[in-house]
Amino acid sequence: MLPTLEGLAFSALIAWYDGSFLHQDGPLSNLFATLGEYSYSIYLLHFYFVFTVAQWIHANVLDLSNFYVALPVSLLAFIAMIPIGYLSMRFVERPFLRLRRRYTKV
């Protein structure tokens, strides 16, 4: 029951956000759109890096057991994954996306 209520709450929040203001094409919106485009590639590939890199940083650079230390490190790791996500999107996903069938005439 709780996952259903949680899903309902998040869907209501997204619906409110989507209709709450006029979305504009600005630099910040374009940045978030680009990150959203790469996010699936980052999601698929992060399993190959996240545990190994975190373990190496914890052992050789600094202790990641403190949340307030681990949070900025995770942000830096996400930023480091953006070029990898771009390469995956550009050279792996996009060629296959060109083969898809269009269902709308836009």
PDB file of N, CA and C in Angstrom:
ATOM      1  N   MET A   1       0.821  -1.192   0.000  1.00  0.00           N
ATOM      2  CA  MET A   1       0.000   0.000   0.000  1.00  0.00           C
ATOM      3  C   MET A   1       0.871   1.265   0.000  1.00  0.00           C
ATOM      4  N   LEU A   2       1.964   1.231   0.781  1.00  0.00           N
ATOM      5  CA  LEU A   2       2.827   2.408   0.871  1.00  0.00           C
ATOM      6  C   LEU A   2       3.480   2.771  -0.468  1.00  0.00           C
ATOM      7  N   PRO A   3       4.003   1.807  -1.261  1.00  0.00           N
ATOM      8  CA  PRO A   3       4.562   2.191  -2.562  1.00  0.00           C
ATOM      9  C   PRO A   3       3.523   2.843  -3.488  1.00  0.00           C
ATOM     10  N   THR A   4       2.284   2.400  -3.403  1.00  0.00           N
ATOM     11  CA  THR A   4       1.229   3.000  -4.220  1.00  0.00           C
ATOM     12  C   THR A   4       0.988   4.445  -3.811  1.00  0.00           C
ATOM     13  N   LEU A   5       0.933   4.690  -2.524  1.00  0.00           N
ATOM     14  CA  LEU A   5       0.730   6.054  -2.038  1.00  0.00           C
ATOM     15  C   LEU A   5       1.929   6.944  -2.385  1.00  0.00           C
ATOM     16  N   GLU A   6       3.118   6.382  -2.277  1.00  0.00           N
ATOM     17  CA  GLU A   6       4.316   7.146  -2.631  1.00  0.00           C
ATOM     18  C   GLU A   6       4.314   7.495  -4.114  1.00  0.00           C
ATOM     19  N   GLY A   7       3.977   6.531  -4.961  1.00  0.00           N
ATOM     20  CA  GLY A   7       3.889   6.789  -6.391  1.00  0.00           C
ATOM     21  C   GLY A   7       2.829   7.823  -6.721  1.00  0.00           C
ATOM     22  N   LEU A   8       1.699   7.763  -6.032  1.00  0.00           N
ATOM     23  CA  LEU A   8       0.637   8.739  -6.229  1.00  0.00           C
ATOM     24  C   LEU A   8       1.094  10.137  -5.820  1.00  0.00           C
ATOM     25  N   ALA A   9       1.804  10.230  -4.697  1.00  0.00           N
ATOM     26  CA  ALA A   9       2.291  11.528  -4.224  1.00  0.00           C
ATOM     27  C   ALA A   9       3.302  12.118  -5.200  1.00  0.00           C
ATOM     28  N   PHE A  10       4.236  11.300  -5.691  1.00  0.00           N
ATOM     29  CA  PHE A  10       5.221  11.803  -6.647  1.00  0.00           C
ATOM     30  C   PHE A  10       4.574  12.190  -7.966  1.00  0.00           C
ATOM     31  N   SER A  11       3.597  11.410  -8.430  1.00  0.00           N
ATOM     32  CA  SER A  11       2.938  11.763  -9.690  1.00  0.00           C
ATOM     33  C   SER A  11       2.154  13.062  -9.550  1.00  0.00           C
ATOM     34  N   ALA A  12       1.517  13.290  -8.383  1.00  0.00           N
ATOM     35  CA  ALA A  12       0.816  14.553  -8.153  1.00  0.00           C
ATOM     36  C   ALA A  12       1.804  15.716  -8.115  1.00  0.00           C
ATOM     37  N   LEU A  13       2.956  15.520  -7.494  1.00  0.00           N
ATOM     38  CA  LEU A  13       3.975  16.559  -7.437  1.00  0.00           C
ATOM     39  C   LEU A  13       4.494  16.900  -8.832  1.00  0.00           C
ATOM     40  N   ILE A  14       4.741  15.905  -9.652  1.00  0.00           N
ATOM     41  CA  ILE A  14       5.222  16.136 -11.015  1.00  0.00           C
ATOM     42  C   ILE A  14       4.149  16.832 -11.849  1.00  0.00           C
ATOM     43  N   ALA A  15       2.894  16.402 -11.703  1.00  0.00           N
ATOM     44  CA  ALA A  15       1.810  17.045 -12.454  1.00  0.00           C
ATOM     45  C   ALA A  15       1.663  18.505 -12.041  1.00  0.00           C
ATOM     46  N   TRP A  16       1.776  18.781 -10.744  1.00  0.00           N
ATOM     47  CA  TRP A  16       1.696  20.170 -10.285  1.00  0.00           C
ATOM     48  C   TRP A  16       2.864  20.982 -10.855  1.00  0.00           C
ATOM     49  N   TYR A  17       4.056  20.445 -10.782  1.00  0.00           N
ATOM     50  CA  TYR A  17       5.238  21.153 -11.272  1.00  0.00           C
ATOM     51  C   TYR A  17       5.116  21.430 -12.762  1.00  0.00           C
ATOM     52  N   ASP A  18       4.670  20.444 -13.511  1.00  0.00           N
ATOM     53  CA  ASP A  18       4.587  20.576 -14.958  1.00  0.00           C
ATOM     54  C   ASP A  18       3.594  21.659 -15.369  1.00  0.00           C
ATOM     55  N   GLY A  19       2.535  21.840 -14.620  1.00  0.00           N
ATOM     56  CA  GLY A  19       1.532  22.824 -14.981  1.00  0.00           C
ATOM     57  C   GLY A  19       1.594  24.110 -14.195  1.00  0.00           C
ATOM     58  N   SER A  20       2.578  24.268 -13.326  1.00  0.00           N
ATOM     59  CA  SER A  20       2.592  25.407 -12.414  1.00  0.00           C
ATOM     60  C   SER A  20       3.145  26.688 -13.027  1.00  0.00           C
ATOM     61  N   PHE A  21       3.922  26.602 -14.087  1.00  0.00           N
ATOM     62  CA  PHE A  21       4.484  27.801 -14.685  1.00  0.00           C
ATOM     63  C   PHE A  21       4.813  27.537 -16.146  1.00  0.00           C
ATOM     64  N   LEU A  22       5.074  28.585 -16.862  1.00  0.00           N
ATOM     65  CA  LEU A  22       5.423  28.486 -18.272  1.00  0.00           C
ATOM     66  C   LEU A  22       6.910  28.142 -18.403  1.00  0.00           C
ATOM     67  N   HIS A  23       7.197  27.029 -19.021  1.00  0.00           N
ATOM     68  CA  HIS A  23       8.583  26.606 -19.209  1.00  0.00           C
ATOM     69  C   HIS A  23       9.198  27.385 -20.356  1.00  0.00           C
ATOM     70  N   GLN A  24      10.394  27.861 -20.165  1.00  0.00           N
ATOM     71  CA  GLN A  24      11.074  28.651 -21.176  1.00  0.00           C
ATOM     72  C   GLN A  24      12.372  27.974 -21.587  1.00  0.00           C
ATOM     73  N   ASP A  25      12.776  28.249 -22.811  1.00  0.00           N
ATOM     74  CA  ASP A  25      14.050  27.720 -23.305  1.00  0.00           C
ATOM     75  C   ASP A  25      15.154  28.704 -22.958  1.00  0.00           C
ATOM     76  N   GLY A  26      15.768  28.478 -21.813  1.00  0.00           N
ATOM     77  CA  GLY A  26      16.895  29.287 -21.400  1.00  0.00           C
ATOM     78  C   GLY A  26      18.111  28.413 -21.228  1.00  0.00           C
ATOM     79  N   PRO A  27      19.234  28.992 -20.868  1.00  0.00           N
ATOM     80  CA  PRO A  27      20.455  28.191 -20.707  1.00  0.00           C
ATOM     81  C   PRO A  27      20.330  27.137 -19.613  1.00  0.00           C
ATOM     82  N   LEU A  28      19.670  27.477 -18.509  1.00  0.00           N
ATOM     83  CA  LEU A  28      19.518  26.504 -17.425  1.00  0.00           C
ATOM     84  C   LEU A  28      18.601  25.361 -17.839  1.00  0.00           C
ATOM     85  N   SER A  29      17.509  25.689 -18.524  1.00  0.00           N
ATOM     86  CA  SER A  29      16.596  24.655 -19.017  1.00  0.00           C
ATOM     87  C   SER A  29      17.295  23.753 -20.021  1.00  0.00           C
ATOM     88  N   ASN A  30      18.085  24.342 -20.894  1.00  0.00           N
ATOM     89  CA  ASN A  30      18.822  23.537 -21.878  1.00  0.00           C
ATOM     90  C   ASN A  30      19.848  22.633 -21.208  1.00  0.00           C
ATOM     91  N   LEU A  31      20.487  23.132 -20.155  1.00  0.00           N
ATOM     92  CA  LEU A  31      21.444  22.311 -19.419  1.00  0.00           C
ATOM     93  C   LEU A  31      20.753  21.110 -18.794  1.00  0.00           C
ATOM     94  N   PHE A  32      19.620  21.343 -18.130  1.00  0.00           N
ATOM     95  CA  PHE A  32      18.882  20.240 -17.509  1.00  0.00           C
ATOM     96  C   PHE A  32      18.331  19.273 -18.554  1.00  0.00           C
ATOM     97  N   ALA A  33      17.913  19.777 -19.712  1.00  0.00           N
ATOM     98  CA  ALA A  33      17.436  18.909 -20.784  1.00  0.00           C
ATOM     99  C   ALA A  33      18.563  18.026 -21.305  1.00  0.00           C
ATOM    100  N   THR A  34      19.747  18.607 -21.444  1.00  0.00           N
ATOM    101  CA  THR A  34      20.899  17.833 -21.906  1.00  0.00           C
ATOM    102  C   THR A  34      21.288  16.773 -20.886  1.00  0.00           C
ATOM    103  N   LEU A  35      21.308  17.148 -19.609  1.00  0.00           N
ATOM    104  CA  LEU A  35      21.615  16.162 -18.566  1.00  0.00           C
ATOM    105  C   LEU A  35      20.560  15.061 -18.534  1.00  0.00           C
ATOM    106  N   GLY A  36      19.303  15.432 -18.766  1.00  0.00           N
ATOM    107  CA  GLY A  36      18.238  14.432 -18.829  1.00  0.00           C
ATOM    108  C   GLY A  36      18.412  13.493 -20.004  1.00  0.00           C
ATOM    109  N   GLU A  37      18.909  14.013 -21.112  1.00  0.00           N
ATOM    110  CA  GLU A  37      19.160  13.179 -22.285  1.00  0.00           C
ATOM    111  C   GLU A  37      20.274  12.169 -22.009  1.00  0.00           C
ATOM    112  N   TYR A  38      21.284  12.598 -21.282  1.00  0.00           N
ATOM    113  CA  TYR A  38      22.406  11.707 -20.962  1.00  0.00           C
ATOM    114  C   TYR A  38      22.135  10.820 -19.746  1.00  0.00           C
ATOM    115  N   SER A  39      21.100  11.118 -18.985  1.00  0.00           N
ATOM    116  CA  SER A  39      20.906  10.445 -17.702  1.00  0.00           C
ATOM    117  C   SER A  39      20.684   8.943 -17.846  1.00  0.00           C
ATOM    118  N   TYR A  40      20.018   8.502 -18.894  1.00  0.00           N
ATOM    119  CA  TYR A  40      19.801   7.069 -19.056  1.00  0.00           C
ATOM    120  C   TYR A  40      21.124   6.362 -19.317  1.00  0.00           C
ATOM    121  N   SER A  41      21.978   6.971 -20.128  1.00  0.00           N
ATOM    122  CA  SER A  41      23.304   6.386 -20.372  1.00  0.00           C
ATOM    123  C   SER A  41      24.112   6.337 -19.083  1.00  0.00           C
ATOM    124  N   ILE A  42      24.044   7.416 -18.310  1.00  0.00           N
ATOM    125  CA  ILE A  42      24.753   7.455 -17.030  1.00  0.00           C
ATOM    126  C   ILE A  42      24.216   6.376 -16.106  1.00  0.00           C
ATOM    127  N   TYR A  43      22.891   6.236 -16.070  1.00  0.00           N
ATOM    128  CA  TYR A  43      22.264   5.215 -15.227  1.00  0.00           C
ATOM    129  C   TYR A  43      22.736   3.817 -15.631  1.00  0.00           C
ATOM    130  N   LEU A  44      22.769   3.535 -16.931  1.00  0.00           N
ATOM    131  CA  LEU A  44      23.166   2.206 -17.380  1.00  0.00           C
ATOM    132  C   LEU A  44      24.639   1.908 -17.126  1.00  0.00           C
ATOM    133  N   LEU A  45      25.487   2.921 -17.207  1.00  0.00           N
ATOM    134  CA  LEU A  45      26.921   2.694 -17.102  1.00  0.00           C
ATOM    135  C   LEU A  45      27.495   2.882 -15.704  1.00  0.00           C
ATOM    136  N   HIS A  46      26.767   3.522 -14.804  1.00  0.00           N
ATOM    137  CA  HIS A  46      27.364   3.852 -13.517  1.00  0.00           C
ATOM    138  C   HIS A  46      27.685   2.618 -12.688  1.00  0.00           C
ATOM    139  N   PHE A  47      27.007   1.490 -12.947  1.00  0.00           N
ATOM    140  CA  PHE A  47      27.280   0.271 -12.186  1.00  0.00           C
ATOM    141  C   PHE A  47      28.708  -0.224 -12.399  1.00  0.00           C
ATOM    142  N   TYR A  48      29.284   0.099 -13.553  1.00  0.00           N
ATOM    143  CA  TYR A  48      30.651  -0.325 -13.834  1.00  0.00           C
ATOM    144  C   TYR A  48      31.692   0.507 -13.088  1.00  0.00           C
ATOM    145  N   PHE A  49      31.295   1.694 -12.626  1.00  0.00           N
ATOM    146  CA  PHE A  49      32.259   2.610 -12.026  1.00  0.00           C
ATOM    147  C   PHE A  49      32.014   2.895 -10.553  1.00  0.00           C
ATOM    148  N   VAL A  50      30.768   2.956 -10.140  1.00  0.00           N
ATOM    149  CA  VAL A  50      30.432   3.567  -8.858  1.00  0.00           C
ATOM    150  C   VAL A  50      31.089   2.858  -7.670  1.00  0.00           C
ATOM    151  N   PHE A  51      31.050   1.559  -7.634  1.00  0.00           N
ATOM    152  CA  PHE A  51      31.574   0.856  -6.468  1.00  0.00           C
ATOM    153  C   PHE A  51      33.099   0.850  -6.451  1.00  0.00           C
ATOM    154  N   THR A  52      33.704   0.650  -7.600  1.00  0.00           N
ATOM    155  CA  THR A  52      35.164   0.624  -7.686  1.00  0.00           C
ATOM    156  C   THR A  52      35.760   1.987  -7.357  1.00  0.00           C
ATOM    157  N   VAL A  53      35.202   3.040  -7.947  1.00  0.00           N
ATOM    158  CA  VAL A  53      35.721   4.388  -7.714  1.00  0.00           C
ATOM    159  C   VAL A  53      35.492   4.807  -6.267  1.00  0.00           C
ATOM    160  N   ALA A  54      34.305   4.527  -5.723  1.00  0.00           N
ATOM    161  CA  ALA A  54      34.028   4.893  -4.334  1.00  0.00           C
ATOM    162  C   ALA A  54      34.966   4.169  -3.377  1.00  0.00           C
ATOM    163  N   GLN A  55      35.214   2.910  -3.631  1.00  0.00           N
ATOM    164  CA  GLN A  55      36.129   2.150  -2.777  1.00  0.00           C
ATOM    165  C   GLN A  55      37.555   2.704  -2.880  1.00  0.00           C
ATOM    166  N   TRP A  56      37.986   3.050  -4.088  1.00  0.00           N
ATOM    167  CA  TRP A  56      39.320   3.597  -4.267  1.00  0.00           C
ATOM    168  C   TRP A  56      39.450   4.952  -3.576  1.00  0.00           C
ATOM    169  N   ILE A  57      38.462   5.828  -3.726  1.00  0.00           N
ATOM    170  CA  ILE A  57      38.498   7.138  -3.062  1.00  0.00           C
ATOM    171  C   ILE A  57      38.513   6.963  -1.551  1.00  0.00           C
ATOM    172  N   HIS A  58      37.690   6.054  -1.058  1.00  0.00           N
ATOM    173  CA  HIS A  58      37.622   5.828   0.390  1.00  0.00           C
ATOM    174  C   HIS A  58      38.960   5.304   0.929  1.00  0.00           C
ATOM    175  N   ALA A  59      39.617   4.452   0.160  1.00  0.00           N
ATOM    176  CA  ALA A  59      40.872   3.863   0.624  1.00  0.00           C
ATOM    177  C   ALA A  59      42.067   4.793   0.426  1.00  0.00           C
ATOM    178  N   ASN A  60      42.092   5.608  -0.626  1.00  0.00           N
ATOM    179  CA  ASN A  60      43.292   6.354  -0.973  1.00  0.00           C
ATOM    180  C   ASN A  60      43.203   7.870  -0.852  1.00  0.00           C
ATOM    181  N   VAL A  61      41.993   8.431  -0.866  1.00  0.00           N
ATOM    182  CA  VAL A  61      41.887   9.887  -0.888  1.00  0.00           C
ATOM    183  C   VAL A  61      41.301  10.411   0.412  1.00  0.00           C
ATOM    184  N   LEU A  62      40.041  10.075   0.691  1.00  0.00           N
ATOM    185  CA  LEU A  62      39.426  10.531   1.940  1.00  0.00           C
ATOM    186  C   LEU A  62      38.331   9.591   2.366  1.00  0.00           C
ATOM    187  N   ASP A  63      37.987   9.672   3.633  1.00  0.00           N
ATOM    188  CA  ASP A  63      36.997   8.793   4.244  1.00  0.00           C
ATOM    189  C   ASP A  63      35.596   9.218   3.810  1.00  0.00           C
ATOM    190  N   LEU A  64      34.865   8.305   3.183  1.00  0.00           N
ATOM    191  CA  LEU A  64      33.529   8.609   2.693  1.00  0.00           C
ATOM    192  C   LEU A  64      32.424   8.151   3.633  1.00  0.00           C
ATOM    193  N   SER A  65      32.760   7.791   4.851  1.00  0.00           N
ATOM    194  CA  SER A  65      31.723   7.339   5.775  1.00  0.00           C
ATOM    195  C   SER A  65      30.883   8.493   6.309  1.00  0.00           C
ATOM    196  N   ASN A  66      31.358   9.733   6.183  1.00  0.00           N
ATOM    197  CA  ASN A  66      30.598  10.902   6.600  1.00  0.00           C
ATOM    198  C   ASN A  66      29.734  11.376   5.426  1.00  0.00           C
ATOM    199  N   PHE A  67      28.423  11.510   5.651  1.00  0.00           N
ATOM    200  CA  PHE A  67      27.501  11.914   4.602  1.00  0.00           C
ATOM    201  C   PHE A  67      27.883  13.255   3.987  1.00  0.00           C
ATOM    202  N   TYR A  68      28.300  14.204   4.814  1.00  0.00           N
ATOM    203  CA  TYR A  68      28.617  15.548   4.335  1.00  0.00           C
ATOM    204  C   TYR A  68      29.905  15.596   3.519  1.00  0.00           C
ATOM    205  N   VAL A  69      30.713  14.579   3.615  1.00  0.00           N
ATOM    206  CA  VAL A  69      31.898  14.446   2.757  1.00  0.00           C
ATOM    207  C   VAL A  69      31.522  13.683   1.487  1.00  0.00           C
ATOM    208  N   ALA A  70      30.712  12.650   1.638  1.00  0.00           N
ATOM    209  CA  ALA A  70      30.350  11.808   0.503  1.00  0.00           C
ATOM    210  C   ALA A  70      29.456  12.539  -0.499  1.00  0.00           C
ATOM    211  N   LEU A  71      28.628  13.466  -0.030  1.00  0.00           N
ATOM    212  CA  LEU A  71      27.711  14.158  -0.934  1.00  0.00           C
ATOM    213  C   LEU A  71      28.441  14.983  -1.995  1.00  0.00           C
ATOM    214  N   PRO A  72      29.399  15.861  -1.633  1.00  0.00           N
ATOM    215  CA  PRO A  72      30.106  16.585  -2.702  1.00  0.00           C
ATOM    216  C   PRO A  72      30.950  15.673  -3.588  1.00  0.00           C
ATOM    217  N   VAL A  73      31.475  14.599  -3.020  1.00  0.00           N
ATOM    218  CA  VAL A  73      32.247  13.651  -3.828  1.00  0.00           C
ATOM    219  C   VAL A  73      31.332  12.985  -4.852  1.00  0.00           C
ATOM    220  N   SER A  74      30.100  12.668  -4.439  1.00  0.00           N
ATOM    221  CA  SER A  74      29.162  12.059  -5.380  1.00  0.00           C
ATOM    222  C   SER A  74      28.771  13.050  -6.479  1.00  0.00           C
ATOM    223  N   LEU A  75      28.676  14.321  -6.152  1.00  0.00           N
ATOM    224  CA  LEU A  75      28.392  15.331  -7.171  1.00  0.00           C
ATOM    225  C   LEU A  75      29.547  15.412  -8.174  1.00  0.00           C
ATOM    226  N   LEU A  76      30.763  15.380  -7.685  1.00  0.00           N
ATOM    227  CA  LEU A  76      31.924  15.373  -8.589  1.00  0.00           C
ATOM    228  C   LEU A  76      31.944  14.110  -9.448  1.00  0.00           C
ATOM    229  N   ALA A  77      31.557  12.975  -8.864  1.00  0.00           N
ATOM    230  CA  ALA A  77      31.511  11.731  -9.629  1.00  0.00           C
ATOM    231  C   ALA A  77      30.440  11.811 -10.714  1.00  0.00           C
ATOM    232  N   PHE A  78      29.302  12.442 -10.390  1.00  0.00           N
ATOM    233  CA  PHE A  78      28.258  12.616 -11.411  1.00  0.00           C
ATOM    234  C   PHE A  78      28.768  13.507 -12.545  1.00  0.00           C
ATOM    235  N   ILE A  79      29.441  14.577 -12.198  1.00  0.00           N
ATOM    236  CA  ILE A  79      29.984  15.473 -13.218  1.00  0.00           C
ATOM    237  C   ILE A  79      31.012  14.729 -14.084  1.00  0.00           C
ATOM    238  N   ALA A  80      31.794  13.854 -13.458  1.00  0.00           N
ATOM    239  CA  ALA A  80      32.776  13.069 -14.214  1.00  0.00           C
ATOM    240  C   ALA A  80      32.096  12.055 -15.136  1.00  0.00           C
ATOM    241  N   MET A  81      30.872  11.641 -14.811  1.00  0.00           N
ATOM    242  CA  MET A  81      30.147  10.680 -15.649  1.00  0.00           C
ATOM    243  C   MET A  81      29.479  11.341 -16.852  1.00  0.00           C
ATOM    244  N   ILE A  82      29.342  12.665 -16.848  1.00  0.00           N
ATOM    245  CA  ILE A  82      28.650  13.347 -17.948  1.00  0.00           C
ATOM    246  C   ILE A  82      29.342  13.107 -19.293  1.00  0.00           C
ATOM    247  N   PRO A  83      30.673  13.251 -19.411  1.00  0.00           N
ATOM    248  CA  PRO A  83      31.295  12.952 -20.719  1.00  0.00           C
ATOM    249  C   PRO A  83      31.114  11.493 -21.141  1.00  0.00           C
ATOM    250  N   ILE A  84      31.137  10.583 -20.198  1.00  0.00           N
ATOM    251  CA  ILE A  84      30.923   9.167 -20.512  1.00  0.00           C
ATOM    252  C   ILE A  84      29.491   8.962 -20.998  1.00  0.00           C
ATOM    253  N   GLY A  85      28.533   9.615 -20.345  1.00  0.00           N
ATOM    254  CA  GLY A  85      27.142   9.544 -20.780  1.00  0.00           C
ATOM    255  C   GLY A  85      26.959  10.132 -22.167  1.00  0.00           C
ATOM    256  N   TYR A  86      27.664  11.234 -22.443  1.00  0.00           N
ATOM    257  CA  TYR A  86      27.599  11.846 -23.772  1.00  0.00           C
ATOM    258  C   TYR A  86      28.108  10.877 -24.836  1.00  0.00           C
ATOM    259  N   LEU A  87      29.253  10.273 -24.577  1.00  0.00           N
ATOM    260  CA  LEU A  87      29.825   9.344 -25.561  1.00  0.00           C
ATOM    261  C   LEU A  87      28.904   8.154 -25.800  1.00  0.00           C
ATOM    262  N   SER A  88      28.318   7.635 -24.742  1.00  0.00           N
ATOM    263  CA  SER A  88      27.396   6.517 -24.887  1.00  0.00           C
ATOM    264  C   SER A  88      26.159   6.932 -25.666  1.00  0.00           C
ATOM    265  N   MET A  89      25.612   8.095 -25.346  1.00  0.00           N
ATOM    266  CA  MET A  89      24.432   8.583 -26.056  1.00  0.00           C
ATOM    267  C   MET A  89      24.745   8.822 -27.530  1.00  0.00           C
ATOM    268  N   ARG A  90      25.858   9.424 -27.784  1.00  0.00           N
ATOM    269  CA  ARG A  90      26.226   9.812 -29.157  1.00  0.00           C
ATOM    270  C   ARG A  90      26.554   8.612 -30.031  1.00  0.00           C
ATOM    271  N   PHE A  91      27.334   7.660 -29.508  1.00  0.00           N
ATOM    272  CA  PHE A  91      27.852   6.594 -30.354  1.00  0.00           C
ATOM    273  C   PHE A  91      27.159   5.246 -30.174  1.00  0.00           C
ATOM    274  N   VAL A  92      26.383   5.061 -29.114  1.00  0.00           N
ATOM    275  CA  VAL A  92      25.697   3.786 -28.905  1.00  0.00           C
ATOM    276  C   VAL A  92      24.188   3.949 -29.066  1.00  0.00           C
ATOM    277  N   GLU A  93      23.594   4.868 -28.313  1.00  0.00           N
ATOM    278  CA  GLU A  93      22.141   4.989 -28.319  1.00  0.00           C
ATOM    279  C   GLU A  93      21.594   5.704 -29.547  1.00  0.00           C
ATOM    280  N   ARG A  94      22.156   6.834 -29.906  1.00  0.00           N
ATOM    281  CA  ARG A  94      21.596   7.655 -30.992  1.00  0.00           C
ATOM    282  C   ARG A  94      21.517   6.919 -32.335  1.00  0.00           C
ATOM    283  N   PRO A  95      22.520   6.114 -32.724  1.00  0.00           N
ATOM    284  CA  PRO A  95      22.352   5.378 -33.987  1.00  0.00           C
ATOM    285  C   PRO A  95      21.143   4.441 -33.972  1.00  0.00           C
ATOM    286  N   PHE A  96      20.861   3.838 -32.835  1.00  0.00           N
ATOM    287  CA  PHE A  96      19.691   2.963 -32.754  1.00  0.00           C
ATOM    288  C   PHE A  96      18.399   3.770 -32.685  1.00  0.00           C
ATOM    289  N   LEU A  97      18.448   4.934 -32.065  1.00  0.00           N
ATOM    290  CA  LEU A  97      17.251   5.769 -32.005  1.00  0.00           C
ATOM    291  C   LEU A  97      16.844   6.252 -33.388  1.00  0.00           C
ATOM    292  N   ARG A  98      17.786   6.383 -34.305  1.00  0.00           N
ATOM    293  CA  ARG A  98      17.451   6.788 -35.679  1.00  0.00           C
ATOM    294  C   ARG A  98      16.661   5.698 -36.410  1.00  0.00           C
ATOM    295  N   LEU A  99      16.783   4.464 -35.953  1.00  0.00           N
ATOM    296  CA  LEU A  99      16.088   3.349 -36.593  1.00  0.00           C
ATOM    297  C   LEU A  99      14.652   3.186 -36.106  1.00  0.00           C
ATOM    298  N   ARG A 100      14.285   3.891 -35.076  1.00  0.00           N
ATOM    299  CA  ARG A 100      12.939   3.710 -34.521  1.00  0.00           C
ATOM    300  C   ARG A 100      11.879   4.254 -35.469  1.00  0.00           C
ATOM    301  N   ARG A 101      10.719   3.729 -35.289  1.00  0.00           N
ATOM    302  CA  ARG A 101       9.581   4.126 -36.098  1.00  0.00           C
ATOM    303  C   ARG A 101       8.886   5.307 -35.459  1.00  0.00           C
ATOM    304  N   ARG A 102       8.582   6.323 -36.254  1.00  0.00           N
ATOM    305  CA  ARG A 102       7.901   7.511 -35.761  1.00  0.00           C
ATOM    306  C   ARG A 102       6.403   7.217 -35.688  1.00  0.00           C
ATOM    307  N   TYR A 103       5.804   7.564 -34.545  1.00  0.00           N
ATOM    308  CA  TYR A 103       4.379   7.365 -34.353  1.00  0.00           C
ATOM    309  C   TYR A 103       3.598   8.676 -34.427  1.00  0.00           C
ATOM    310  N   THR A 104       4.285   9.782 -34.404  1.00  0.00           N
ATOM    311  CA  THR A 104       3.635  11.082 -34.505  1.00  0.00           C
ATOM    312  C   THR A 104       4.228  11.839 -35.682  1.00  0.00           C
ATOM    313  N   LYS A 105       3.481  12.791 -36.178  1.00  0.00           N
ATOM    314  CA  LYS A 105       3.961  13.599 -37.297  1.00  0.00           C
ATOM    315  C   LYS A 105       4.297  14.993 -36.794  1.00  0.00           C
ATOM    316  N   VAL A 106       5.455  15.101 -36.157  1.00  0.00           N
ATOM    317  CA  VAL A 106       5.885  16.393 -35.618  1.00  0.00           C
ATOM    318  C   VAL A 106       7.137  16.849 -36.318  1.00  0.00           C
TER     319      VAL A 106
END
